[in-house]
Amino acid sequence: MASDASVAQARQQLAAQAPGEEHPLYAVVNNAGIGIGMSDLRAVLEVNTLGMRRVCEAFVPLLQPAGGRVVNVTSASGPSYVATCSPERQRQLTNPAVTADELQALIDECLALRGVEAFEAAGLGNGSPYGLSKALANAYTLLLAREHPSLRINACTPGFIQTDLTRSYVASSGRSADQLGMKPPAAGARCPMFLLFGEPEGNGRYYGSDALRSPLDRYRAPGSAPYTGEP
C-alpha cells in the first residue's frame, strides 16, 4: 500500500479472482501501520495516511454499492494528537466538510515543516509522525464517508495491543506488556468486527476499542460514556 504500483497490482489480482463481477467486495479493512518511534514523517504518512487513501481509491469502487463497508484502523494517538493542536487546527482536522484538496494541502504543509518548533508555531502540535498520521487518517475517513453515503465507512482504534508494531516500544520501556496494560491481539479485533458486521450509528465516525463512539479531538478511555457530539 506504500506505492501506487503495489495497490494497482493487488486490484488486478482481485479482479482476476472474480471475473465478470463488478462489485465483488463486501468490505475493505485498512489495518497496515508503521511509525511508533519513527521520525521520518513522509515514510509514516506514505503508509498510515496516503497508503490508506490509495487502497480506498482502488478498492472502494469494487464494494457492494448498498451497504459495503470500510473500516480504517487508526489509533487513539490521532485524537490525542489533535488535542495538542491549536483550536483552528483542531477544527481543520475534525471538519466533516473537508475536501480532498484541503486535506492534501494540509498534508503538503506538514511535509514542508521541519522540526518541533515549526510544527508548534503552525499550531500543529509537535509533529510526531505517528500521531499526526493517524489524525490525518481520521480526517480522510470523514471525507471518504461523505463521498460515499451509501457505504458504511468508519474508523477505530484497536486499543493498546501486543503486535509487531508495539514490540519495540515494549522493549525500550523496560516493562512487560502486562505491566504496560497492553491487550492480546484478539482484543484488538473487537471494534473492527463490530464495524464490519454490527450496526454502527452514523457514518464517518471514530470508535474506541470498546466499540463505542469517540471524539476526534481528544482521548476517550474505554468504558467511559460514548461521545455524542459532532462530527
Protein backbone atom coordinates (compact mmCIF):
# COMPACT_ATOMS: atom_id res chain seq x y z
CA MET A 1 0.00 0.00 0.00
CA ALA A 2 3.03 2.26 0.11
CA SER A 3 3.06 2.73 -3.66
CA ASP A 4 0.55 3.15 -6.47
CA ALA A 5 2.08 0.19 -8.30
CA SER A 6 1.62 -2.28 -5.45
CA VAL A 7 -2.00 -1.28 -4.91
CA ALA A 8 -2.76 -1.44 -8.63
CA GLN A 9 -1.26 -4.92 -8.77
CA ALA A 10 -3.39 -6.06 -5.84
CA ARG A 11 -6.53 -4.76 -7.54
CA GLN A 12 -5.64 -6.61 -10.73
CA GLN A 13 -5.15 -9.82 -8.78
CA LEU A 14 -8.54 -9.43 -7.13
CA ALA A 15 -10.24 -8.74 -10.46
CA ALA A 16 -8.69 -11.91 -11.85
CA GLN A 17 -10.17 -13.93 -8.98
CA ALA A 18 -13.68 -12.57 -9.60
CA PRO A 19 -14.02 -12.27 -13.39
CA GLY A 20 -17.15 -10.52 -14.54
CA GLU A 21 -18.11 -9.29 -11.06
CA GLU A 22 -18.42 -5.52 -10.89
CA HIS A 23 -18.71 -5.34 -7.10
CA PRO A 24 -17.08 -8.45 -5.60
CA LEU A 25 -16.23 -6.97 -2.20
CA TYR A 26 -18.27 -6.63 0.97
CA ALA A 27 -15.65 -4.68 2.91
CA VAL A 28 -12.25 -3.04 2.88
CA VAL A 29 -10.20 -3.04 6.09
CA ASN A 30 -7.16 -0.77 6.27
CA ASN A 31 -5.05 -2.23 9.05
CA ALA A 32 -1.48 -1.53 7.92
CA GLY A 33 0.52 0.80 10.10
CA ILE A 34 4.07 1.84 10.90
CA GLY A 35 5.70 4.61 12.79
CA ILE A 36 5.77 4.24 16.56
CA GLY A 37 9.12 5.77 17.41
CA MET A 38 9.88 6.72 13.80
CA SER A 39 11.00 10.26 12.92
CA ASP A 40 10.54 10.16 9.12
CA LEU A 41 7.17 11.83 8.62
CA ARG A 42 7.00 11.18 4.89
CA ALA A 43 7.64 7.45 5.32
CA VAL A 44 4.96 7.18 8.01
CA LEU A 45 2.40 9.16 6.01
CA GLU A 46 3.05 7.03 2.93
CA VAL A 47 1.66 4.02 4.79
CA ASN A 48 -0.65 5.30 7.52
CA THR A 49 -2.43 8.06 5.58
CA LEU A 50 -1.59 8.06 1.88
CA GLY A 51 -1.48 4.26 1.77
CA MET A 52 -4.96 4.14 3.25
CA ARG A 53 -6.12 6.58 0.60
CA ARG A 54 -4.53 4.53 -2.20
CA VAL A 55 -6.27 1.37 -1.04
CA CYS A 56 -9.63 3.09 -0.75
CA GLU A 57 -9.34 4.73 -4.16
CA ALA A 58 -8.54 1.34 -5.70
CA PHE A 59 -10.98 -0.91 -3.86
CA VAL A 60 -13.96 1.17 -2.74
CA PRO A 61 -15.35 1.11 -6.32
CA LEU A 62 -15.43 -2.70 -6.00
CA LEU A 63 -17.61 -2.65 -2.88
CA GLN A 64 -21.25 -3.65 -2.90
CA PRO A 65 -22.88 -0.27 -3.65
CA ALA A 66 -25.54 -0.55 -0.93
CA GLY A 67 -24.11 -1.41 2.45
CA GLY A 68 -20.50 -2.16 1.60
CA ARG A 69 -18.17 -1.25 4.44
CA VAL A 70 -14.81 0.38 5.02
CA VAL A 71 -13.03 0.08 8.35
CA ASN A 72 -9.98 2.30 8.76
CA VAL A 73 -7.99 1.08 11.74
CA THR A 74 -6.30 4.20 13.07
CA SER A 75 -5.32 4.85 16.68
CA ALA A 76 -6.15 6.79 19.82
CA SER A 77 -2.89 8.57 19.06
CA GLY A 78 -4.85 10.51 16.43
CA PRO A 79 -7.34 12.24 18.75
CA SER A 80 -4.62 12.63 21.36
CA TYR A 81 -2.52 14.44 18.77
CA VAL A 82 -5.39 16.70 17.70
CA ALA A 83 -5.81 17.70 21.36
CA THR A 84 -2.33 19.28 21.26
CA CYS A 85 -3.11 21.43 18.21
CA SER A 86 -4.45 24.98 18.14
CA PRO A 87 -8.25 25.46 18.05
CA GLU A 88 -8.04 26.42 14.38
CA ARG A 89 -6.11 23.26 13.53
CA GLN A 90 -8.47 21.16 15.62
CA ARG A 91 -11.36 22.44 13.53
CA GLN A 92 -9.38 21.70 10.39
CA LEU A 93 -8.62 18.12 11.42
CA THR A 94 -12.19 17.35 12.51
CA ASN A 95 -14.09 19.16 9.75
CA PRO A 96 -16.77 16.82 8.33
CA ALA A 97 -16.94 19.01 5.20
CA VAL A 98 -13.21 18.77 4.45
CA THR A 99 -12.43 18.47 0.74
CA ALA A 100 -9.79 16.33 -0.92
CA ASP A 101 -7.87 19.44 -1.95
CA GLU A 102 -7.95 20.85 1.58
CA LEU A 103 -6.73 17.61 3.09
CA GLN A 104 -3.92 17.29 0.55
CA ALA A 105 -2.90 20.90 1.18
CA LEU A 106 -2.66 20.15 4.90
CA ILE A 107 -0.57 17.04 4.24
CA ASP A 108 1.74 19.05 1.98
CA GLU A 109 2.04 21.76 4.62
CA CYS A 110 3.01 19.22 7.26
CA LEU A 111 5.61 17.64 4.99
CA ALA A 112 7.18 21.05 4.40
CA LEU A 113 7.63 21.78 8.12
CA ARG A 114 10.92 20.94 9.79
CA GLY A 115 11.33 20.37 13.49
CA VAL A 116 9.14 20.58 16.57
CA GLU A 117 9.30 24.37 16.76
CA ALA A 118 7.96 24.74 13.21
CA PHE A 119 5.01 22.45 13.94
CA GLU A 120 4.25 24.23 17.20
CA ALA A 121 4.42 27.64 15.50
CA ALA A 122 1.93 26.38 12.91
CA GLY A 123 -0.44 25.19 15.62
CA LEU A 124 0.14 21.57 14.63
CA GLY A 125 1.35 20.03 17.86
CA ASN A 126 4.87 18.64 17.97
CA GLY A 127 4.90 16.93 14.56
CA SER A 128 5.06 13.39 15.96
CA PRO A 129 4.74 11.32 12.76
CA TYR A 130 2.62 8.51 14.17
CA GLY A 131 0.03 10.66 15.94
CA LEU A 132 -0.19 13.14 13.08
CA SER A 133 -0.60 10.37 10.50
CA LYS A 134 -3.49 8.88 12.46
CA ALA A 135 -5.17 12.27 12.90
CA LEU A 136 -4.95 12.76 9.14
CA ALA A 137 -6.29 9.24 8.55
CA ASN A 138 -9.32 10.05 10.69
CA ALA A 139 -9.84 13.24 8.67
CA TYR A 140 -9.66 11.20 5.47
CA THR A 141 -12.34 8.88 6.87
CA LEU A 142 -14.66 11.89 7.23
CA LEU A 143 -14.03 12.83 3.60
CA LEU A 144 -14.49 9.29 2.29
CA ALA A 145 -17.76 8.79 4.16
CA ARG A 146 -19.19 12.00 2.75
CA GLU A 147 -18.18 10.98 -0.77
CA HIS A 148 -19.86 7.56 -0.43
CA PRO A 149 -23.04 8.00 1.63
CA SER A 150 -24.46 4.59 0.66
CA LEU A 151 -21.50 2.80 2.25
CA ARG A 152 -20.70 2.36 5.93
CA ILE A 153 -17.32 3.97 6.43
CA ASN A 154 -15.82 4.42 9.88
CA ALA A 155 -12.51 4.48 11.73
CA CYS A 156 -11.49 2.95 15.03
CA THR A 157 -8.65 2.26 17.39
CA PRO A 158 -7.92 -1.38 18.23
CA GLY A 159 -6.57 -0.37 21.62
CA PHE A 160 -3.10 -0.81 23.09
CA ILE A 161 -2.36 -4.22 21.59
CA GLN A 162 0.63 -6.55 21.62
CA THR A 163 1.74 -6.54 17.97
CA ASP A 164 4.90 -6.30 15.90
CA LEU A 165 4.28 -2.54 15.76
CA THR A 166 4.39 -2.16 19.55
CA ARG A 167 7.14 -4.70 20.28
CA SER A 168 9.98 -2.17 20.08
CA TYR A 169 8.09 0.18 22.39
CA VAL A 170 7.73 -2.56 25.00
CA ALA A 171 11.41 -3.43 24.72
CA SER A 172 12.51 0.18 25.19
CA SER A 173 10.17 0.75 28.15
CA GLY A 174 11.86 -1.72 30.45
CA ARG A 175 8.46 -3.13 31.39
CA SER A 176 6.39 -6.08 30.26
CA ALA A 177 3.34 -5.84 28.02
CA ASP A 178 1.15 -6.74 31.00
CA GLN A 179 2.73 -4.03 33.14
CA LEU A 180 2.01 -1.53 30.37
CA GLY A 181 -1.64 -2.57 30.26
CA MET A 182 -1.44 -3.99 26.76
CA LYS A 183 -4.01 -6.46 25.49
CA PRO A 184 -3.61 -9.59 23.34
CA PRO A 185 -4.19 -9.38 19.57
CA ALA A 186 -7.66 -10.92 19.78
CA ALA A 187 -8.86 -7.96 21.85
CA GLY A 188 -7.85 -5.62 19.06
CA ALA A 189 -10.43 -7.20 16.76
CA ARG A 190 -13.44 -6.24 18.87
CA CYS A 191 -14.19 -2.85 17.35
CA PRO A 192 -13.19 -3.67 13.75
CA MET A 193 -15.50 -6.69 13.86
CA PHE A 194 -18.33 -4.52 15.17
CA LEU A 195 -17.83 -2.01 12.38
CA LEU A 196 -17.73 -4.83 9.85
CA PHE A 197 -20.76 -6.80 10.97
CA GLY A 198 -22.61 -4.77 13.60
CA GLU A 199 -24.95 -1.81 13.33
CA PRO A 200 -22.90 1.33 13.99
CA GLU A 201 -24.88 4.55 14.01
CA GLY A 202 -23.98 7.24 11.52
CA ASN A 203 -21.12 7.31 9.06
CA GLY A 204 -17.60 8.71 9.01
CA ARG A 205 -17.26 8.25 12.74
CA TYR A 206 -14.42 7.19 15.00
CA TYR A 207 -14.84 4.44 17.57
CA GLY A 208 -12.84 3.42 20.62
CA SER A 209 -11.51 -0.06 21.27
CA ASP A 210 -14.68 -0.80 23.28
CA ALA A 211 -16.75 -0.28 20.10
CA LEU A 212 -18.27 2.95 21.42
CA ARG A 213 -18.15 6.23 19.56
CA SER A 214 -15.25 8.52 20.46
CA PRO A 215 -14.34 12.15 19.67
CA LEU A 216 -11.74 13.08 17.06
CA ASP A 217 -10.12 15.80 19.14
CA ARG A 218 -9.37 14.12 22.46
CA TYR A 219 -8.90 10.72 24.06
CA ARG A 220 -11.88 8.82 25.46
CA ALA A 221 -10.98 5.99 27.82
CA PRO A 222 -12.55 2.58 27.12
CA GLY A 223 -15.55 2.01 29.34
CA SER A 224 -16.41 5.69 29.68
CA ALA A 225 -19.55 7.25 28.23
CA PRO A 226 -19.72 7.28 24.43
CA TYR A 227 -19.25 10.52 22.55
CA THR A 228 -22.49 12.02 21.24
CA GLY A 229 -21.36 15.25 19.60
CA GLU A 230 -20.42 16.21 16.07
CA PRO A 231 -18.65 15.27 13.94
